Amino acid sequence: MSLTITVKDKLARRLRAQAAARRLSVQQWALTILANASQSPEDADAWIELNNRRTALIRKRCEAGLSETEEQELARLQAAAAALLEPYDRRRLEHVRSLIHDADAAATP
């Protein structure tokens, strides 16, 4: 499917700079961003790509530091990861609470 969008100059400049930093075309970078925005836990390919980018940025931050643009990108990716994983985290927390409750009940004479 072909789709054309018009963006404001400031956003276009930001997209160009981000794409250049990744050695991608603006179109490829825009598709990545759109995939990120529309991702769901069922979309494993998009999640894998974004998570790989997130971990690469974390490594780079530890080894050499990040540019301001990369820090902003990492912050967005971290927020997306947290939002994506929060429902799973809640379920795990509930499971741990039930284990603690069971352990306390078993320890009480």
PDB file of N, CA and C in Angstrom:
ATOM      1  N   MET A   1       0.842  -1.174   0.000  1.00  0.00           N
ATOM      2  CA  MET A   1       0.000   0.000   0.000  1.00  0.00           C
ATOM      3  C   MET A   1       0.888   1.239   0.000  1.00  0.00           C
ATOM      4  N   SER A   2       0.530   2.196  -0.781  1.00  0.00           N
ATOM      5  CA  SER A   2       1.261   3.447  -0.842  1.00  0.00           C
ATOM      6  C   SER A   2       0.499   4.495  -0.044  1.00  0.00           C
ATOM      7  N   LEU A   3       1.241   5.299   0.724  1.00  0.00           N
ATOM      8  CA  LEU A   3       0.632   6.317   1.568  1.00  0.00           C
ATOM      9  C   LEU A   3       1.556   7.529   1.577  1.00  0.00           C
ATOM     10  N   THR A   4       0.983   8.693   1.418  1.00  0.00           N
ATOM     11  CA  THR A   4       1.760   9.928   1.448  1.00  0.00           C
ATOM     12  C   THR A   4       1.274  10.767   2.624  1.00  0.00           C
ATOM     13  N   ILE A   5       2.227  11.272   3.405  1.00  0.00           N
ATOM     14  CA  ILE A   5       1.871  12.165   4.508  1.00  0.00           C
ATOM     15  C   ILE A   5       2.693  13.440   4.381  1.00  0.00           C
ATOM     16  N   THR A   6       2.171  14.521   4.921  1.00  0.00           N
ATOM     17  CA  THR A   6       2.881  15.795   4.941  1.00  0.00           C
ATOM     18  C   THR A   6       3.175  16.131   6.399  1.00  0.00           C
ATOM     19  N   VAL A   7       4.425  16.475   6.666  1.00  0.00           N
ATOM     20  CA  VAL A   7       4.813  16.838   8.032  1.00  0.00           C
ATOM     21  C   VAL A   7       5.376  18.250   8.026  1.00  0.00           C
ATOM     22  N   LYS A   8       5.352  18.875   9.178  1.00  0.00           N
ATOM     23  CA  LYS A   8       5.890  20.229   9.319  1.00  0.00           C
ATOM     24  C   LYS A   8       7.408  20.194   9.177  1.00  0.00           C
ATOM     25  N   ASP A   9       7.979  21.331   8.797  1.00  0.00           N
ATOM     26  CA  ASP A   9       9.416  21.417   8.536  1.00  0.00           C
ATOM     27  C   ASP A   9      10.260  20.961   9.727  1.00  0.00           C
ATOM     28  N   LYS A  10       9.879  21.370  10.917  1.00  0.00           N
ATOM     29  CA  LYS A  10      10.651  21.011  12.108  1.00  0.00           C
ATOM     30  C   LYS A  10      10.693  19.494  12.282  1.00  0.00           C
ATOM     31  N   LEU A  11       9.564  18.840  12.116  1.00  0.00           N
ATOM     32  CA  LEU A  11       9.510  17.385  12.223  1.00  0.00           C
ATOM     33  C   LEU A  11      10.310  16.742  11.095  1.00  0.00           C
ATOM     34  N   ALA A  12      10.211  17.274   9.897  1.00  0.00           N
ATOM     35  CA  ALA A  12      10.965  16.730   8.757  1.00  0.00           C
ATOM     36  C   ALA A  12      12.466  16.799   9.033  1.00  0.00           C
ATOM     37  N   ARG A  13      12.934  17.917   9.568  1.00  0.00           N
ATOM     38  CA  ARG A  13      14.362  18.052   9.889  1.00  0.00           C
ATOM     39  C   ARG A  13      14.780  17.022  10.942  1.00  0.00           C
ATOM     40  N   ARG A  14      13.944  16.862  11.960  1.00  0.00           N
ATOM     41  CA  ARG A  14      14.243  15.898  13.027  1.00  0.00           C
ATOM     42  C   ARG A  14      14.285  14.470  12.464  1.00  0.00           C
ATOM     43  N   LEU A  15      13.313  14.132  11.613  1.00  0.00           N
ATOM     44  CA  LEU A  15      13.291  12.791  11.008  1.00  0.00           C
ATOM     45  C   LEU A  15      14.526  12.563  10.137  1.00  0.00           C
ATOM     46  N   ARG A  16      14.904  13.571   9.353  1.00  0.00           N
ATOM     47  CA  ARG A  16      16.100  13.445   8.506  1.00  0.00           C
ATOM     48  C   ARG A  16      17.352  13.214   9.351  1.00  0.00           C
ATOM     49  N   ALA A  17      17.483  13.975  10.422  1.00  0.00           N
ATOM     50  CA  ALA A  17      18.660  13.840  11.291  1.00  0.00           C
ATOM     51  C   ALA A  17      18.689  12.470  11.954  1.00  0.00           C
ATOM     52  N   GLN A  18      17.544  12.024  12.449  1.00  0.00           N
ATOM     53  CA  GLN A  18      17.482  10.715  13.092  1.00  0.00           C
ATOM     54  C   GLN A  18      17.791   9.603  12.091  1.00  0.00           C
ATOM     55  N   ALA A  19      17.234   9.714  10.899  1.00  0.00           N
ATOM     56  CA  ALA A  19      17.481   8.706   9.862  1.00  0.00           C
ATOM     57  C   ALA A  19      18.958   8.680   9.478  1.00  0.00           C
ATOM     58  N   ALA A  20      19.546   9.846   9.305  1.00  0.00           N
ATOM     59  CA  ALA A  20      20.960   9.915   8.935  1.00  0.00           C
ATOM     60  C   ALA A  20      21.839   9.293  10.021  1.00  0.00           C
ATOM     61  N   ALA A  21      21.497   9.534  11.286  1.00  0.00           N
ATOM     62  CA  ALA A  21      22.270   8.966  12.392  1.00  0.00           C
ATOM     63  C   ALA A  21      22.228   7.444  12.383  1.00  0.00           C
ATOM     64  N   ARG A  22      21.186   6.890  11.810  1.00  0.00           N
ATOM     65  CA  ARG A  22      21.019   5.428  11.752  1.00  0.00           C
ATOM     66  C   ARG A  22      21.412   4.849  10.399  1.00  0.00           C
ATOM     67  N   ARG A  23      21.839   5.747   9.512  1.00  0.00           N
ATOM     68  CA  ARG A  23      22.191   5.356   8.148  1.00  0.00           C
ATOM     69  C   ARG A  23      21.004   4.688   7.448  1.00  0.00           C
ATOM     70  N   LEU A  24      19.829   5.294   7.632  1.00  0.00           N
ATOM     71  CA  LEU A  24      18.600   4.837   6.999  1.00  0.00           C
ATOM     72  C   LEU A  24      18.040   5.959   6.143  1.00  0.00           C
ATOM     73  N   SER A  25      17.194   5.589   5.205  1.00  0.00           N
ATOM     74  CA  SER A  25      16.469   6.623   4.479  1.00  0.00           C
ATOM     75  C   SER A  25      15.380   7.163   5.408  1.00  0.00           C
ATOM     76  N   VAL A  26      14.916   8.351   5.122  1.00  0.00           N
ATOM     77  CA  VAL A  26      13.829   8.926   5.928  1.00  0.00           C
ATOM     78  C   VAL A  26      12.606   8.007   5.866  1.00  0.00           C
ATOM     79  N   GLN A  27      12.361   7.447   4.700  1.00  0.00           N
ATOM     80  CA  GLN A  27      11.211   6.547   4.548  1.00  0.00           C
ATOM     81  C   GLN A  27      11.355   5.309   5.438  1.00  0.00           C
ATOM     82  N   GLN A  28      12.552   4.718   5.458  1.00  0.00           N
ATOM     83  CA  GLN A  28      12.764   3.542   6.310  1.00  0.00           C
ATOM     84  C   GLN A  28      12.591   3.904   7.781  1.00  0.00           C
ATOM     85  N   TRP A  29      13.124   5.051   8.178  1.00  0.00           N
ATOM     86  CA  TRP A  29      13.010   5.468   9.577  1.00  0.00           C
ATOM     87  C   TRP A  29      11.556   5.756   9.935  1.00  0.00           C
ATOM     88  N   ALA A  30      10.834   6.416   9.043  1.00  0.00           N
ATOM     89  CA  ALA A  30       9.411   6.695   9.287  1.00  0.00           C
ATOM     90  C   ALA A  30       8.627   5.397   9.433  1.00  0.00           C
ATOM     91  N   LEU A  31       8.944   4.406   8.622  1.00  0.00           N
ATOM     92  CA  LEU A  31       8.261   3.111   8.742  1.00  0.00           C
ATOM     93  C   LEU A  31       8.562   2.451  10.081  1.00  0.00           C
ATOM     94  N   THR A  32       9.803   2.584  10.536  1.00  0.00           N
ATOM     95  CA  THR A  32      10.164   2.034  11.848  1.00  0.00           C
ATOM     96  C   THR A  32       9.380   2.728  12.959  1.00  0.00           C
ATOM     97  N   ILE A  33       9.296   4.047  12.868  1.00  0.00           N
ATOM     98  CA  ILE A  33       8.540   4.801  13.870  1.00  0.00           C
ATOM     99  C   ILE A  33       7.069   4.407  13.844  1.00  0.00           C
ATOM    100  N   LEU A  34       6.501   4.296  12.662  1.00  0.00           N
ATOM    101  CA  LEU A  34       5.095   3.896  12.555  1.00  0.00           C
ATOM    102  C   LEU A  34       4.881   2.493  13.095  1.00  0.00           C
ATOM    103  N   ALA A  35       5.812   1.605  12.833  1.00  0.00           N
ATOM    104  CA  ALA A  35       5.702   0.253  13.380  1.00  0.00           C
ATOM    105  C   ALA A  35       5.743   0.296  14.903  1.00  0.00           C
ATOM    106  N   ASN A  36       6.609   1.146  15.443  1.00  0.00           N
ATOM    107  CA  ASN A  36       6.711   1.314  16.891  1.00  0.00           C
ATOM    108  C   ASN A  36       5.390   1.821  17.465  1.00  0.00           C
ATOM    109  N   ALA A  37       4.825   2.803  16.813  1.00  0.00           N
ATOM    110  CA  ALA A  37       3.581   3.396  17.298  1.00  0.00           C
ATOM    111  C   ALA A  37       2.421   2.413  17.243  1.00  0.00           C
ATOM    112  N   SER A  38       2.463   1.512  16.297  1.00  0.00           N
ATOM    113  CA  SER A  38       1.344   0.584  16.136  1.00  0.00           C
ATOM    114  C   SER A  38       1.641  -0.797  16.703  1.00  0.00           C
ATOM    115  N   GLN A  39       2.773  -0.920  17.381  1.00  0.00           N
ATOM    116  CA  GLN A  39       3.162  -2.241  17.871  1.00  0.00           C
ATOM    117  C   GLN A  39       2.204  -2.757  18.928  1.00  0.00           C
ATOM    118  N   SER A  40       2.147  -4.054  19.009  1.00  0.00           N
ATOM    119  CA  SER A  40       1.400  -4.725  20.064  1.00  0.00           C
ATOM    120  C   SER A  40       2.204  -5.951  20.458  1.00  0.00           C
ATOM    121  N   PRO A  41       1.919  -6.566  21.591  1.00  0.00           N
ATOM    122  CA  PRO A  41       2.685  -7.742  21.997  1.00  0.00           C
ATOM    123  C   PRO A  41       2.649  -8.859  20.948  1.00  0.00           C
ATOM    124  N   GLU A  42       1.609  -8.882  20.124  1.00  0.00           N
ATOM    125  CA  GLU A  42       1.512  -9.917  19.106  1.00  0.00           C
ATOM    126  C   GLU A  42       2.425  -9.649  17.918  1.00  0.00           C
ATOM    127  N   ASP A  43       2.921  -8.434  17.779  1.00  0.00           N
ATOM    128  CA  ASP A  43       3.771  -8.063  16.656  1.00  0.00           C
ATOM    129  C   ASP A  43       5.228  -8.282  17.050  1.00  0.00           C
ATOM    130  N   ALA A  44       5.638  -9.525  17.033  1.00  0.00           N
ATOM    131  CA  ALA A  44       6.959  -9.900  17.530  1.00  0.00           C
ATOM    132  C   ALA A  44       8.086  -9.275  16.721  1.00  0.00           C
ATOM    133  N   ASP A  45       7.938  -9.203  15.404  1.00  0.00           N
ATOM    134  CA  ASP A  45       9.015  -8.648  14.578  1.00  0.00           C
ATOM    135  C   ASP A  45       9.298  -7.190  14.919  1.00  0.00           C
ATOM    136  N   ALA A  46       8.250  -6.394  15.067  1.00  0.00           N
ATOM    137  CA  ALA A  46       8.441  -4.986  15.414  1.00  0.00           C
ATOM    138  C   ALA A  46       9.073  -4.866  16.797  1.00  0.00           C
ATOM    139  N   TRP A  47       8.596  -5.658  17.741  1.00  0.00           N
ATOM    140  CA  TRP A  47       9.141  -5.605  19.095  1.00  0.00           C
ATOM    141  C   TRP A  47      10.615  -5.997  19.098  1.00  0.00           C
ATOM    142  N   ILE A  48      10.966  -7.035  18.366  1.00  0.00           N
ATOM    143  CA  ILE A  48      12.360  -7.478  18.326  1.00  0.00           C
ATOM    144  C   ILE A  48      13.255  -6.375  17.767  1.00  0.00           C
ATOM    145  N   GLU A  49      12.838  -5.757  16.680  1.00  0.00           N
ATOM    146  CA  GLU A  49      13.629  -4.681  16.070  1.00  0.00           C
ATOM    147  C   GLU A  49      13.799  -3.508  17.030  1.00  0.00           C
ATOM    148  N   LEU A  50      12.700  -3.103  17.654  1.00  0.00           N
ATOM    149  CA  LEU A  50      12.772  -1.964  18.575  1.00  0.00           C
ATOM    150  C   LEU A  50      13.569  -2.303  19.825  1.00  0.00           C
ATOM    151  N   ASN A  51      13.407  -3.504  20.337  1.00  0.00           N
ATOM    152  CA  ASN A  51      14.149  -3.894  21.527  1.00  0.00           C
ATOM    153  C   ASN A  51      15.638  -4.024  21.226  1.00  0.00           C
ATOM    154  N   ASN A  52      15.974  -4.513  20.028  1.00  0.00           N
ATOM    155  CA  ASN A  52      17.377  -4.562  19.630  1.00  0.00           C
ATOM    156  C   ASN A  52      17.975  -3.161  19.582  1.00  0.00           C
ATOM    157  N   ARG A  53      17.225  -2.218  19.041  1.00  0.00           N
ATOM    158  CA  ARG A  53      17.698  -0.831  18.995  1.00  0.00           C
ATOM    159  C   ARG A  53      17.856  -0.279  20.409  1.00  0.00           C
ATOM    160  N   ARG A  54      16.888  -0.578  21.277  1.00  0.00           N
ATOM    161  CA  ARG A  54      16.930  -0.117  22.667  1.00  0.00           C
ATOM    162  C   ARG A  54      18.165  -0.659  23.373  1.00  0.00           C
ATOM    163  N   THR A  55      18.436  -1.949  23.232  1.00  0.00           N
ATOM    164  CA  THR A  55      19.605  -2.524  23.909  1.00  0.00           C
ATOM    165  C   THR A  55      20.911  -2.002  23.306  1.00  0.00           C
ATOM    166  N   ALA A  56      20.936  -1.748  21.995  1.00  0.00           N
ATOM    167  CA  ALA A  56      22.129  -1.171  21.374  1.00  0.00           C
ATOM    168  C   ALA A  56      22.400   0.223  21.938  1.00  0.00           C
ATOM    169  N   LEU A  57      21.347   0.994  22.123  1.00  0.00           N
ATOM    170  CA  LEU A  57      21.525   2.327  22.704  1.00  0.00           C
ATOM    171  C   LEU A  57      21.995   2.244  24.152  1.00  0.00           C
ATOM    172  N   ILE A  58      21.488   1.293  24.901  1.00  0.00           N
ATOM    173  CA  ILE A  58      21.927   1.121  26.297  1.00  0.00           C
ATOM    174  C   ILE A  58      23.410   0.776  26.334  1.00  0.00           C
ATOM    175  N   ARG A  59      23.829  -0.150  25.474  1.00  0.00           N
ATOM    176  CA  ARG A  59      25.253  -0.513  25.412  1.00  0.00           C
ATOM    177  C   ARG A  59      26.108   0.695  25.039  1.00  0.00           C
ATOM    178  N   LYS A  60      25.655   1.434  24.022  1.00  0.00           N
ATOM    179  CA  LYS A  60      26.417   2.593  23.573  1.00  0.00           C
ATOM    180  C   LYS A  60      26.507   3.628  24.688  1.00  0.00           C
ATOM    181  N   ARG A  61      25.423   3.799  25.434  1.00  0.00           N
ATOM    182  CA  ARG A  61      25.435   4.761  26.540  1.00  0.00           C
ATOM    183  C   ARG A  61      26.514   4.390  27.550  1.00  0.00           C
ATOM    184  N   CYS A  62      26.630   3.097  27.856  1.00  0.00           N
ATOM    185  CA  CYS A  62      27.624   2.637  28.831  1.00  0.00           C
ATOM    186  C   CYS A  62      29.047   2.732  28.299  1.00  0.00           C
ATOM    187  N   GLU A  63      29.217   2.495  27.002  1.00  0.00           N
ATOM    188  CA  GLU A  63      30.558   2.448  26.429  1.00  0.00           C
ATOM    189  C   GLU A  63      31.089   3.811  25.996  1.00  0.00           C
ATOM    190  N   ALA A  64      30.249   4.598  25.345  1.00  0.00           N
ATOM    191  CA  ALA A  64      30.763   5.831  24.754  1.00  0.00           C
ATOM    192  C   ALA A  64      29.880   7.047  25.000  1.00  0.00           C
ATOM    193  N   GLY A  65      28.697   6.824  25.540  1.00  0.00           N
ATOM    194  CA  GLY A  65      27.767   7.925  25.735  1.00  0.00           C
ATOM    195  C   GLY A  65      26.879   8.111  24.519  1.00  0.00           C
ATOM    196  N   LEU A  66      25.781   8.809  24.723  1.00  0.00           N
ATOM    197  CA  LEU A  66      24.798   9.039  23.669  1.00  0.00           C
ATOM    198  C   LEU A  66      24.679  10.522  23.367  1.00  0.00           C
ATOM    199  N   SER A  67      24.308  10.808  22.145  1.00  0.00           N
ATOM    200  CA  SER A  67      23.982  12.185  21.783  1.00  0.00           C
ATOM    201  C   SER A  67      22.627  12.526  22.406  1.00  0.00           C
ATOM    202  N   GLU A  68      22.280  13.777  22.398  1.00  0.00           N
ATOM    203  CA  GLU A  68      20.976  14.192  22.943  1.00  0.00           C
ATOM    204  C   GLU A  68      19.833  13.516  22.186  1.00  0.00           C
ATOM    205  N   THR A  69      19.967  13.420  20.874  1.00  0.00           N
ATOM    206  CA  THR A  69      18.939  12.773  20.055  1.00  0.00           C
ATOM    207  C   THR A  69      18.805  11.303  20.429  1.00  0.00           C
ATOM    208  N   GLU A  70      19.938  10.637  20.633  1.00  0.00           N
ATOM    209  CA  GLU A  70      19.901   9.227  21.022  1.00  0.00           C
ATOM    210  C   GLU A  70      19.315   9.043  22.416  1.00  0.00           C
ATOM    211  N   GLU A  71      19.637   9.961  23.327  1.00  0.00           N
ATOM    212  CA  GLU A  71      19.047   9.899  24.678  1.00  0.00           C
ATOM    213  C   GLU A  71      17.528  10.008  24.598  1.00  0.00           C
ATOM    214  N   GLN A  72      17.047  10.909  23.759  1.00  0.00           N
ATOM    215  CA  GLN A  72      15.606  11.072  23.593  1.00  0.00           C
ATOM    216  C   GLN A  72      14.986   9.819  22.981  1.00  0.00           C
ATOM    217  N   GLU A  73      15.671   9.259  21.988  1.00  0.00           N
ATOM    218  CA  GLU A  73      15.167   8.030  21.373  1.00  0.00           C
ATOM    219  C   GLU A  73      15.126   6.902  22.395  1.00  0.00           C
ATOM    220  N   LEU A  74      16.187   6.767  23.186  1.00  0.00           N
ATOM    221  CA  LEU A  74      16.225   5.725  24.212  1.00  0.00           C
ATOM    222  C   LEU A  74      15.101   5.923  25.220  1.00  0.00           C
ATOM    223  N   ALA A  75      14.857   7.149  25.618  1.00  0.00           N
ATOM    224  CA  ALA A  75      13.773   7.424  26.570  1.00  0.00           C
ATOM    225  C   ALA A  75      12.430   6.970  25.990  1.00  0.00           C
ATOM    226  N   ARG A  76      12.204   7.250  24.707  1.00  0.00           N
ATOM    227  CA  ARG A  76      10.951   6.814  24.069  1.00  0.00           C
ATOM    228  C   ARG A  76      10.865   5.296  23.994  1.00  0.00           C
ATOM    229  N   LEU A  77      11.986   4.668  23.643  1.00  0.00           N
ATOM    230  CA  LEU A  77      11.983   3.209  23.555  1.00  0.00           C
ATOM    231  C   LEU A  77      11.816   2.564  24.930  1.00  0.00           C
ATOM    232  N   GLN A  78      12.418   3.153  25.953  1.00  0.00           N
ATOM    233  CA  GLN A  78      12.255   2.638  27.317  1.00  0.00           C
ATOM    234  C   GLN A  78      10.797   2.757  27.756  1.00  0.00           C
ATOM    235  N   ALA A  79      10.179   3.893  27.454  1.00  0.00           N
ATOM    236  CA  ALA A  79       8.768   4.084  27.808  1.00  0.00           C
ATOM    237  C   ALA A  79       7.888   3.088  27.062  1.00  0.00           C
ATOM    238  N   ALA A  80       8.196   2.851  25.786  1.00  0.00           N
ATOM    239  CA  ALA A  80       7.414   1.883  25.009  1.00  0.00           C
ATOM    240  C   ALA A  80       7.581   0.484  25.575  1.00  0.00           C
ATOM    241  N   ALA A  81       8.800   0.127  25.965  1.00  0.00           N
ATOM    242  CA  ALA A  81       9.046  -1.193  26.551  1.00  0.00           C
ATOM    243  C   ALA A  81       8.294  -1.338  27.872  1.00  0.00           C
ATOM    244  N   ALA A  82       8.346  -0.306  28.688  1.00  0.00           N
ATOM    245  CA  ALA A  82       7.641  -0.357  29.972  1.00  0.00           C
ATOM    246  C   ALA A  82       6.140  -0.506  29.761  1.00  0.00           C
ATOM    247  N   ALA A  83       5.591   0.242  28.831  1.00  0.00           N
ATOM    248  CA  ALA A  83       4.151   0.155  28.556  1.00  0.00           C
ATOM    249  C   ALA A  83       3.779  -1.217  28.021  1.00  0.00           C
ATOM    250  N   LEU A  84       4.626  -1.764  27.171  1.00  0.00           N
ATOM    251  CA  LEU A  84       4.358  -3.065  26.583  1.00  0.00           C
ATOM    252  C   LEU A  84       4.429  -4.174  27.621  1.00  0.00           C
ATOM    253  N   LEU A  85       5.379  -4.082  28.520  1.00  0.00           N
ATOM    254  CA  LEU A  85       5.614  -5.160  29.483  1.00  0.00           C
ATOM    255  C   LEU A  85       4.828  -5.010  30.780  1.00  0.00           C
ATOM    256  N   GLU A  86       4.243  -3.854  31.022  1.00  0.00           N
ATOM    257  CA  GLU A  86       3.536  -3.629  32.285  1.00  0.00           C
ATOM    258  C   GLU A  86       2.463  -4.674  32.587  1.00  0.00           C
ATOM    259  N   PRO A  87       1.611  -5.048  31.639  1.00  0.00           N
ATOM    260  CA  PRO A  87       0.607  -6.071  31.960  1.00  0.00           C
ATOM    261  C   PRO A  87       1.231  -7.400  32.399  1.00  0.00           C
ATOM    262  N   TYR A  88       2.348  -7.771  31.782  1.00  0.00           N
ATOM    263  CA  TYR A  88       3.037  -9.003  32.169  1.00  0.00           C
ATOM    264  C   TYR A  88       3.644  -8.861  33.555  1.00  0.00           C
ATOM    265  N   ASP A  89       4.218  -7.675  33.815  1.00  0.00           N
ATOM    266  CA  ASP A  89       4.796  -7.418  35.130  1.00  0.00           C
ATOM    267  C   ASP A  89       3.735  -7.501  36.218  1.00  0.00           C
ATOM    268  N   ARG A  90       2.553  -6.933  35.940  1.00  0.00           N
ATOM    269  CA  ARG A  90       1.469  -6.992  36.929  1.00  0.00           C
ATOM    270  C   ARG A  90       1.085  -8.427  37.239  1.00  0.00           C
ATOM    271  N   ARG A  91       0.991  -9.258  36.196  1.00  0.00           N
ATOM    272  CA  ARG A  91       0.636 -10.675  36.410  1.00  0.00           C
ATOM    273  C   ARG A  91       1.710 -11.384  37.209  1.00  0.00           C
ATOM    274  N   ARG A  92       2.971 -11.103  36.902  1.00  0.00           N
ATOM    275  CA  ARG A  92       4.057 -11.728  37.661  1.00  0.00           C
ATOM    276  C   ARG A  92       4.031 -11.293  39.124  1.00  0.00           C
ATOM    277  N   LEU A  93       3.764 -10.019  39.347  1.00  0.00           N
ATOM    278  CA  LEU A  93       3.690  -9.513  40.706  1.00  0.00           C
ATOM    279  C   LEU A  93       2.568 -10.195  41.479  1.00  0.00           C
ATOM    280  N   GLU A  94       1.425 -10.350  40.849  1.00  0.00           N
ATOM    281  CA  GLU A  94       0.316 -11.051  41.501  1.00  0.00           C
ATOM    282  C   GLU A  94       0.694 -12.493  41.822  1.00  0.00           C
ATOM    283  N   HIS A  95       1.408 -13.131  40.910  1.00  0.00           N
ATOM    284  CA  HIS A  95       1.842 -14.513  41.147  1.00  0.00           C
ATOM    285  C   HIS A  95       2.805 -14.567  42.330  1.00  0.00           C
ATOM    286  N   VAL A  96       3.755 -13.636  42.385  1.00  0.00           N
ATOM    287  CA  VAL A  96       4.697 -13.595  43.505  1.00  0.00           C
ATOM    288  C   VAL A  96       3.949 -13.353  44.811  1.00  0.00           C
ATOM    289  N   ARG A  97       2.978 -12.460  44.776  1.00  0.00           N
ATOM    290  CA  ARG A  97       2.190 -12.211  46.001  1.00  0.00           C
ATOM    291  C   ARG A  97       1.471 -13.472  46.459  1.00  0.00           C
ATOM    292  N   SER A  98       0.946 -14.241  45.508  1.00  0.00           N
ATOM    293  CA  SER A  98       0.258 -15.477  45.894  1.00  0.00           C
ATOM    294  C   SER A  98       1.247 -16.495  46.462  1.00  0.00           C
ATOM    295  N   LEU A  99       2.461 -16.537  45.921  1.00  0.00           N
ATOM    296  CA  LEU A  99       3.485 -17.436  46.456  1.00  0.00           C
ATOM    297  C   LEU A  99       3.874 -17.032  47.879  1.00  0.00           C
ATOM    298  N   ILE A 100       4.024 -15.723  48.085  1.00  0.00           N
ATOM    299  CA  ILE A 100       4.346 -15.237  49.433  1.00  0.00           C
ATOM    300  C   ILE A 100       3.224 -15.585  50.397  1.00  0.00           C
ATOM    301  N   HIS A 101       2.000 -15.395  49.972  1.00  0.00           N
ATOM    302  CA  HIS A 101       0.856 -15.735  50.821  1.00  0.00           C
ATOM    303  C   HIS A 101       0.864 -17.220  51.163  1.00  0.00           C
ATOM    304  N   ASP A 102       1.098 -18.072  50.162  1.00  0.00           N
ATOM    305  CA  ASP A 102       1.139 -19.513  50.399  1.00  0.00           C
ATOM    306  C   ASP A 102       2.281 -19.896  51.321  1.00  0.00           C
ATOM    307  N   ALA A 103       3.448 -19.248  51.139  1.00  0.00           N
ATOM    308  CA  ALA A 103       4.600 -19.538  51.998  1.00  0.00           C
ATOM    309  C   ALA A 103       4.324 -19.116  53.442  1.00  0.00           C
ATOM    310  N   ASP A 104       3.685 -17.938  53.598  1.00  0.00           N
ATOM    311  CA  ASP A 104       3.333 -17.480  54.941  1.00  0.00           C
ATOM    312  C   ASP A 104       2.331 -18.416  55.592  1.00  0.00           C
ATOM    313  N   ALA A 105       1.356 -18.872  54.821  1.00  0.00           N
ATOM    314  CA  ALA A 105       0.352 -19.801  55.356  1.00  0.00           C
ATOM    315  C   ALA A 105       0.987 -21.124  55.748  1.00  0.00           C
ATOM    316  N   ALA A 106       1.931 -21.593  54.961  1.00  0.00           N
ATOM    317  CA  ALA A 106       2.594 -22.872  55.271  1.00  0.00           C
ATOM    318  C   ALA A 106       3.499 -22.738  56.496  1.00  0.00           C
ATOM    319  N   ALA A 107       4.065 -21.554  56.719  1.00  0.00           N
ATOM    320  CA  ALA A 107       4.981 -21.340  57.839  1.00  0.00           C
ATOM    321  C   ALA A 107       4.239 -21.090  59.139  1.00  0.00           C
ATOM    322  N   THR A 108       2.969 -20.732  59.054  1.00  0.00           N
ATOM    323  CA  THR A 108       2.190 -20.448  60.251  1.00  0.00           C
ATOM    324  C   THR A 108       1.612 -21.749  60.800  1.00  0.00           C
ATOM    325  N   PRO A 109       1.920 -22.055  62.085  1.00  0.00           N
ATOM    326  CA  PRO A 109       1.410 -23.317  62.669  1.00  0.00           C
ATOM    327  C   PRO A 109      -0.071 -23.305  62.926  1.00  0.00           C
TER     328      PRO A 109
END
